[in-house]
């Protein structure tokens, strides 16, 4: 049997690319039409009400009757919860031009579950900027990403975060505290050792990268460096393409100690001298630990020129209500 020549293989690849692009564009077109239709349905409902005032609650007769009659005439997709969502969609986005062509109806339906306008604006901007899928958006909302980032900012910073989204400009911008590893699905009564946690994160690398944030590329695991004929192993090494620097990650399933910070400083000095190339910025170190003492971290990192950050990790989703209250305190100041 004669093998296909290179030109024929290229032809198959070009046709395949065209098919995939057409399918992707068709899905985008369907999603856009669905967003337009649902917005217009909401607009019609609101305009039907007295002067467009928001008065029809979830249990109102109007929404109940609309659901029943639309289902009878047009089939599925018009449950009372959906009718309520269409109406809310128009109320929250009364100017159609403000809607993003990158986001599907599934995105907007999830965004509408957020009552706080600042928080919703943040997730909308971030979904658009980072091309989050619906699943990625849902995960970031559940992990309280907005609150975790906002807690490190003042009132102006929180408002800027909600207005413009999350920008990575300096090493501090890539740090989260805590990191949330709920995607590992570790049972609450299971004791995890450092090696086991590392393996689980590498085995779930795509989700781990999503938690780390935009710009991270995986370089290696148990990265070996040798000094004075002694070997050291860095748990995880990444490269940040926006900051143009290496990011070294050390995992600790206990409270961080000052020796851990000293060791990370050694790793960073090595990378600065031996691994960095011209045009790259100094490396950044992140120690992700089960717990930390803020005062110890302050004193242990004081006077160190290298960028070393210590964050906690959680294996389960945080209490969003508690975090939201803290954000309200910042905003009210």
Foldseek 3Di string as FASTA:
>chain_A
DDDDDPVVVVVVVVVVVVVVVVVVVVVLVVQLVVLVVLLVLLVVVLVVPDVSDPDADLPHPVLVVQLVVCCVVPNPDRHSVSSVLSNLLCVLPVDPVPDDSLDGVLQSSVLSVDPDLLVSLQLRLCCVVVVDDSVLSVVCVQQVVLLQQLLVDFQVVSNCCSNHYQDDDDPVSQDTAAQEAQVLVDDPPDDDFQVRVLVSCVVVVVVNDSSSHPQKDWDDAQDWDDDPNDIHGFGTWIAGPVQQAIETEHEEAAEDALVVVVVQLVVQVCCVPPPDDPPGDRYAYEYEYQHYDPVRVCVSCPPRPHHYYYHYYHNDRDDNVVSVVSSVVSNVD
